[in-house]
Amino acid sequence: MKTTIKNYIKSCLKCQKFNIERRKGPGLLHPVEAPSGPFQLIGIDYTGPFPTTPQRNKYVLAITDYFTKWVIAIPLPNQTARTTAEALYEHYICIYGVPMRILSDQGSHFNNELMVAFTQLLGCHHIKSTPYHPQTNGAIERFNATFERQLAKVTDQQINDWDIHLKSITFAYNTGQHATTKLSPYQLQFGRNLTLPPDRPRRYYEFSKPNDYFHYFKQTLKIYYKYAIMNSKQQQQIYKKYFDHNRPDIHYSTGDQVLKRISINRSKLATLYSNPMTVIKEMHPTYLIQDPTEKKIYQVHVSQLRTCNSNYIQ
């Protein structure tokens, strides 16, 4: 009888949709495989809107190299597909070349016909992260969290001159030691330590021909890259162990009934989860689920799902 009553209470649909889960969300961490060098995998993401500046900027497009952690932050007036493609071409492609892969979220400014044609023309692969799962694009989420707080410290009382300080904050980020690689993004990007105004003149290397410098440069980068790869793998293992601790690894099968977390435009008294939906394809930790009423299909990370207990009549 106790088991029957317990299962009956668990099957209350309103409780399942409104109750807050006090445990860690499901889904173990699956880190993005670290590239073996720079210019192979970059992440792009928008943050904002911020207060409009005199230059009419409201958003920041951040581009991060997943190996070096080098960041480019571009203030922009909007986040349309055309603006995104132009900024990516002007500020990255024309300086660093074409990356092998581009990782972004599934926002309309990235997931559109223009970006598809743009990446096909350049010959790079466009990867899209799972909606509402920021760990997929963690490298750029880390920068966004950092620079927003720094911008808040240096802006004026009207908070409309943030784009003036953006380059200085990005420079400080790129020249500081990164927690993952134990080297600065500048060192991994350019193979040397940068010189700042207060620094004393350093000794110079003399090369008889340009090839000598290139050989020295390759040797230096080889040492830096080896050190960065070792530290990145160690930090990924440490973070995964911490993230996965006491976290359930729930798997769903095709045909299972689940509830999808509602993440946008939700008031404090609104339901947390949707009505029951059906799993139509398993790609753990990502699933394709379908709304039986609207027949709409969603791609959802397991952390955004809740098991629907519907064994008993409500």
Protein backbone atom coordinates (compact mmCIF):
# COMPACT_ATOMS: atom_id res chain seq x y z
CA MET A 1 0.00 0.00 0.00
CA LYS A 2 2.84 2.39 0.86
CA THR A 3 4.44 1.85 -2.56
CA THR A 4 1.10 2.34 -4.32
CA ILE A 5 0.40 5.62 -2.50
CA LYS A 6 3.97 6.85 -3.12
CA ASN A 7 3.73 6.15 -6.85
CA TYR A 8 0.27 7.74 -7.02
CA ILE A 9 1.59 10.98 -5.48
CA LYS A 10 4.60 10.96 -7.80
CA SER A 11 2.27 10.80 -10.79
CA CYS A 12 0.61 14.14 -9.96
CA LEU A 13 1.21 16.12 -13.18
CA LYS A 14 0.89 19.53 -11.51
CA CYS A 15 3.54 18.63 -8.93
CA GLN A 16 5.85 17.41 -11.67
CA LYS A 17 5.40 20.64 -13.66
CA PHE A 18 5.65 23.12 -10.76
CA ASN A 19 7.92 21.57 -8.11
CA ILE A 20 11.58 22.62 -7.93
CA GLU A 21 14.16 19.83 -8.01
CA ARG A 22 16.49 20.06 -5.01
CA ARG A 23 19.07 17.64 -6.32
CA LYS A 24 21.67 18.22 -9.00
CA GLY A 25 20.23 18.15 -12.50
CA PRO A 26 20.77 14.99 -14.57
CA GLY A 27 23.42 14.59 -17.21
CA LEU A 28 27.13 13.98 -16.77
CA LEU A 29 29.63 16.39 -18.28
CA HIS A 30 30.88 15.57 -21.79
CA PRO A 31 33.71 18.06 -22.44
CA VAL A 32 34.30 19.31 -25.98
CA GLU A 33 37.38 17.53 -27.28
CA ALA A 34 40.24 19.99 -27.10
CA PRO A 35 41.79 20.81 -30.49
CA SER A 36 45.49 20.07 -31.01
CA GLY A 37 46.35 23.61 -32.09
CA PRO A 38 45.01 27.12 -32.71
CA PHE A 39 42.59 28.16 -35.49
CA GLN A 40 40.90 24.74 -35.47
CA LEU A 41 37.84 25.33 -33.28
CA ILE A 42 36.37 28.71 -32.37
CA GLY A 43 33.27 29.52 -30.36
CA ILE A 44 31.07 32.52 -31.13
CA ASP A 45 28.33 34.01 -28.97
CA TYR A 46 26.42 37.23 -28.42
CA THR A 47 25.90 38.96 -25.10
CA GLY A 48 23.60 41.92 -24.44
CA PRO A 49 21.69 44.05 -25.06
CA PHE A 50 23.66 46.70 -23.18
CA PRO A 51 22.74 50.40 -22.95
CA THR A 52 23.04 51.98 -26.39
CA THR A 53 26.29 53.93 -26.78
CA PRO A 54 26.83 57.12 -28.83
CA GLN A 55 28.25 54.80 -31.52
CA ARG A 56 24.86 52.99 -31.43
CA ASN A 57 26.37 49.74 -30.16
CA LYS A 58 24.16 47.46 -28.06
CA TYR A 59 25.66 43.96 -28.34
CA VAL A 60 29.04 42.24 -28.11
CA LEU A 61 30.02 39.38 -30.42
CA ALA A 62 32.75 37.34 -28.72
CA ILE A 63 34.96 34.94 -30.67
CA THR A 64 37.13 32.50 -28.69
CA ASP A 65 39.79 30.08 -29.89
CA TYR A 66 39.29 26.84 -27.98
CA PHE A 67 43.00 26.01 -27.90
CA THR A 68 44.70 29.31 -27.11
CA LYS A 69 41.63 30.85 -25.33
CA TRP A 70 42.36 34.02 -27.35
CA VAL A 71 39.28 36.25 -27.40
CA ILE A 72 38.07 38.85 -29.89
CA ALA A 73 35.20 41.03 -28.61
CA ILE A 74 33.35 43.16 -31.18
CA PRO A 75 30.78 45.83 -30.22
CA LEU A 76 27.87 45.84 -32.67
CA PRO A 77 24.59 47.75 -33.11
CA ASN A 78 22.50 44.61 -33.72
CA GLN A 79 22.80 40.84 -33.94
CA THR A 80 21.34 40.12 -37.36
CA ALA A 81 22.68 37.34 -39.55
CA ARG A 82 24.26 39.85 -41.96
CA THR A 83 26.02 41.76 -39.16
CA THR A 84 27.28 38.48 -37.69
CA ALA A 85 28.71 37.24 -40.98
CA GLU A 86 30.36 40.60 -41.75
CA ALA A 87 31.93 40.85 -38.27
CA LEU A 88 33.21 37.26 -38.41
CA TYR A 89 34.75 37.84 -41.83
CA GLU A 90 36.32 41.22 -41.04
CA HIS A 91 37.58 40.60 -37.50
CA TYR A 92 38.59 36.95 -37.73
CA ILE A 93 38.78 35.45 -41.23
CA CYS A 94 40.76 38.36 -42.75
CA ILE A 95 43.29 38.24 -39.88
CA TYR A 96 43.61 34.61 -38.79
CA GLY A 97 42.22 32.66 -41.74
CA VAL A 98 39.42 30.11 -41.88
CA PRO A 99 38.95 27.88 -38.81
CA MET A 100 38.13 24.21 -39.23
CA ARG A 101 35.01 24.38 -37.04
CA ILE A 102 32.76 27.10 -35.62
CA LEU A 103 30.72 26.37 -32.49
CA SER A 104 27.67 28.50 -31.69
CA ASP A 105 24.29 28.29 -30.03
CA GLN A 106 21.10 27.90 -32.03
CA GLY A 107 20.09 31.57 -32.06
CA SER A 108 18.56 32.91 -35.26
CA HIS A 109 21.65 35.09 -35.85
CA PHE A 110 23.75 31.88 -36.18
CA ASN A 111 21.21 29.32 -37.37
CA ASN A 112 20.08 30.69 -40.73
CA GLU A 113 20.56 30.33 -44.47
CA LEU A 114 23.12 33.13 -44.64
CA MET A 115 25.42 31.49 -42.07
CA VAL A 116 24.99 28.13 -43.81
CA ALA A 117 26.07 29.64 -47.14
CA PHE A 118 28.86 31.61 -45.42
CA THR A 119 30.43 28.55 -43.75
CA GLN A 120 30.02 26.42 -46.89
CA LEU A 121 31.74 29.08 -48.97
CA LEU A 122 34.64 29.26 -46.49
CA GLY A 123 34.87 25.49 -46.18
CA CYS A 124 34.44 25.24 -42.39
CA HIS A 125 32.02 23.13 -40.38
CA HIS A 126 29.36 24.88 -38.27
CA ILE A 127 28.51 23.06 -35.01
CA LYS A 128 25.46 24.06 -32.97
CA SER A 129 25.26 23.59 -29.22
CA THR A 130 22.22 22.21 -27.39
CA PRO A 131 19.73 24.95 -26.41
CA TYR A 132 19.94 26.17 -22.78
CA HIS A 133 23.05 24.11 -22.08
CA PRO A 134 25.89 26.67 -21.72
CA GLN A 135 28.49 24.02 -20.81
CA THR A 136 28.63 23.07 -24.50
CA ASN A 137 30.20 26.42 -25.34
CA GLY A 138 31.89 26.82 -21.97
CA ALA A 139 35.03 28.63 -23.11
CA ILE A 140 33.12 31.64 -24.39
CA GLU A 141 30.61 31.58 -21.54
CA ARG A 142 33.56 31.97 -19.16
CA PHE A 143 34.74 35.12 -20.96
CA ASN A 144 31.22 36.58 -21.08
CA ALA A 145 30.84 36.18 -17.33
CA THR A 146 34.24 37.83 -16.77
CA PHE A 147 34.05 40.84 -19.06
CA GLU A 148 30.51 41.89 -18.11
CA ARG A 149 31.57 42.45 -14.48
CA GLN A 150 34.71 44.29 -15.60
CA LEU A 151 32.68 46.54 -17.91
CA ALA A 152 30.38 47.42 -15.01
CA LYS A 153 33.38 48.68 -13.00
CA VAL A 154 34.76 51.08 -15.60
CA THR A 155 31.68 52.55 -17.27
CA ASP A 156 30.45 56.05 -16.39
CA GLN A 157 27.27 56.84 -14.48
CA GLN A 158 25.19 56.79 -17.66
CA ILE A 159 26.64 53.33 -18.47
CA ASN A 160 26.68 54.20 -22.17
CA ASP A 161 30.43 54.25 -22.85
CA TRP A 162 31.10 50.56 -22.31
CA ASP A 163 32.30 50.01 -25.90
CA ILE A 164 35.23 52.41 -25.28
CA HIS A 165 36.59 50.12 -22.55
CA LEU A 166 35.89 46.82 -24.29
CA LYS A 167 39.28 46.53 -26.02
CA SER A 168 41.21 47.24 -22.81
CA ILE A 169 39.28 44.59 -20.90
CA THR A 170 39.78 42.06 -23.70
CA PHE A 171 43.50 42.87 -23.76
CA ALA A 172 43.73 42.27 -20.00
CA TYR A 173 41.95 38.92 -20.41
CA ASN A 174 44.19 37.82 -23.29
CA THR A 175 47.41 38.69 -21.46
CA GLY A 176 46.52 37.09 -18.13
CA GLN A 177 47.26 33.48 -17.22
CA HIS A 178 44.35 31.21 -18.10
CA ALA A 179 43.26 28.72 -15.42
CA THR A 180 43.00 25.86 -17.93
CA THR A 181 46.25 26.14 -19.93
CA LYS A 182 48.38 27.85 -17.22
CA LEU A 183 49.60 30.15 -19.99
CA SER A 184 48.19 33.41 -21.29
CA PRO A 185 46.18 33.38 -24.54
CA TYR A 186 48.76 35.85 -25.88
CA GLN A 187 51.62 33.38 -25.35
CA LEU A 188 49.80 30.58 -27.15
CA GLN A 189 48.63 32.85 -29.95
CA PHE A 190 51.97 34.52 -30.73
CA GLY A 191 54.58 32.23 -29.17
CA ARG A 192 56.20 34.87 -26.95
CA ASN A 193 55.65 37.07 -23.92
CA LEU A 194 54.30 40.50 -24.70
CA THR A 195 56.13 43.73 -23.90
CA LEU A 196 54.28 46.33 -21.86
CA PRO A 197 55.20 50.03 -21.38
CA PRO A 198 56.67 49.54 -17.87
CA ASP A 199 58.89 46.64 -18.98
CA ARG A 200 62.63 47.09 -19.32
CA PRO A 201 64.18 46.59 -22.75
CA ARG A 202 64.81 42.90 -23.28
CA ARG A 203 67.70 41.26 -25.10
CA TYR A 204 67.14 40.69 -28.78
CA TYR A 205 67.76 37.66 -30.91
CA GLU A 206 69.70 38.22 -34.09
CA PHE A 207 68.92 36.08 -37.08
CA SER A 208 70.89 35.94 -40.27
CA LYS A 209 67.80 35.18 -42.33
CA PRO A 210 64.01 35.03 -41.79
CA ASN A 211 64.03 31.23 -41.83
CA ASP A 212 66.08 31.23 -38.62
CA TYR A 213 63.35 33.15 -36.82
CA PHE A 214 60.68 30.83 -38.21
CA HIS A 215 62.57 27.78 -36.95
CA TYR A 216 62.96 29.34 -33.49
CA PHE A 217 59.29 30.33 -33.49
CA LYS A 218 58.14 26.79 -34.29
CA GLN A 219 60.28 25.31 -31.52
CA THR A 220 58.89 27.78 -28.99
CA LEU A 221 55.29 27.13 -30.00
CA LYS A 222 55.85 23.37 -29.84
CA ILE A 223 56.89 23.68 -26.18
CA TYR A 224 53.98 26.00 -25.36
CA TYR A 225 51.42 23.76 -27.10
CA LYS A 226 52.63 20.61 -25.35
CA TYR A 227 52.39 22.32 -21.97
CA ALA A 228 48.95 23.78 -22.74
CA ILE A 229 47.51 20.45 -23.96
CA MET A 230 48.71 18.66 -20.82
CA ASN A 231 47.19 21.30 -18.52
CA SER A 232 43.92 21.47 -20.49
CA LYS A 233 43.37 17.70 -20.21
CA GLN A 234 44.12 17.76 -16.48
CA GLN A 235 41.72 20.64 -15.85
CA GLN A 236 38.97 18.97 -17.90
CA GLN A 237 39.28 15.82 -15.78
CA ILE A 238 39.18 17.83 -12.54
CA TYR A 239 36.14 19.84 -13.63
CA LYS A 240 34.33 16.73 -14.89
CA LYS A 241 34.92 14.94 -11.57
CA TYR A 242 33.55 17.92 -9.64
CA PHE A 243 30.60 18.42 -12.02
CA ASP A 244 29.58 14.72 -12.08
CA HIS A 245 29.77 14.21 -8.28
CA ASN A 246 26.37 13.06 -6.98
CA ARG A 247 24.78 13.89 -10.34
CA PRO A 248 22.35 11.30 -11.78
CA ASP A 249 23.03 9.94 -15.27
CA ILE A 250 19.49 9.44 -16.54
CA HIS A 251 18.89 7.79 -19.92
CA TYR A 252 15.63 7.87 -21.88
CA SER A 253 14.43 5.55 -24.61
CA THR A 254 12.34 6.20 -27.69
CA GLY A 255 8.69 6.44 -26.69
CA ASP A 256 9.33 7.59 -23.11
CA GLN A 257 7.18 10.43 -21.76
CA VAL A 258 9.16 13.43 -20.47
CA LEU A 259 8.62 17.02 -19.35
CA LYS A 260 10.72 19.81 -20.92
CA ARG A 261 11.96 22.69 -18.78
CA ILE A 262 10.51 26.07 -19.80
CA SER A 263 13.41 28.51 -19.93
CA ILE A 264 12.05 31.73 -21.45
CA ASN A 265 9.39 34.33 -20.61
CA ARG A 266 8.46 32.64 -17.36
CA SER A 267 6.96 34.47 -14.37
CA LYS A 268 7.64 33.39 -10.78
CA LEU A 269 4.24 31.69 -10.53
CA ALA A 270 4.35 30.01 -13.92
CA THR A 271 4.91 26.32 -14.51
CA LEU A 272 8.53 25.17 -14.63
CA TYR A 273 7.99 22.30 -17.06
CA SER A 274 5.86 21.66 -20.14
CA ASN A 275 3.10 19.14 -20.66
CA PRO A 276 4.25 15.57 -21.38
CA MET A 277 6.19 15.08 -24.59
CA THR A 278 7.45 11.95 -26.32
CA VAL A 279 11.08 10.99 -26.96
CA ILE A 280 11.40 10.24 -30.68
CA LYS A 281 15.18 9.89 -30.97
CA GLU A 282 17.94 9.15 -28.46
CA MET A 283 21.38 10.74 -28.92
CA HIS A 284 22.37 10.79 -25.24
CA PRO A 285 22.97 13.25 -23.65
CA THR A 286 20.82 15.01 -26.29
CA TYR A 287 17.30 13.92 -27.23
CA LEU A 288 14.73 14.78 -29.87
CA ILE A 289 11.30 15.12 -28.28
CA GLN A 290 7.92 15.90 -29.85
CA ASP A 291 4.94 17.83 -28.55
CA PRO A 292 1.96 15.52 -29.21
CA THR A 293 -0.41 18.50 -29.61
CA GLU A 294 1.58 20.85 -31.85
CA LYS A 295 3.72 18.07 -33.39
CA LYS A 296 6.72 20.39 -32.91
CA ILE A 297 10.14 18.72 -32.44
CA TYR A 298 12.70 20.00 -29.93
CA GLN A 299 16.37 19.14 -29.49
CA VAL A 300 16.97 19.09 -25.73
CA HIS A 301 19.85 18.24 -23.40
CA VAL A 302 19.03 15.66 -20.74
CA SER A 303 19.56 18.31 -18.01
CA GLN A 304 16.44 20.11 -19.32
CA LEU A 305 14.22 17.04 -19.04
CA ARG A 306 12.23 15.50 -16.18
CA THR A 307 10.78 11.99 -16.15
CA CYS A 308 7.00 12.05 -16.51
CA ASN A 309 5.40 9.69 -14.00
CA SER A 310 1.95 9.00 -15.43
CA ASN A 311 1.21 5.47 -14.29
CA TYR A 312 -1.81 6.49 -12.23
CA ILE A 313 -5.01 8.32 -13.08
CA GLN A 314 -4.97 11.92 -11.80
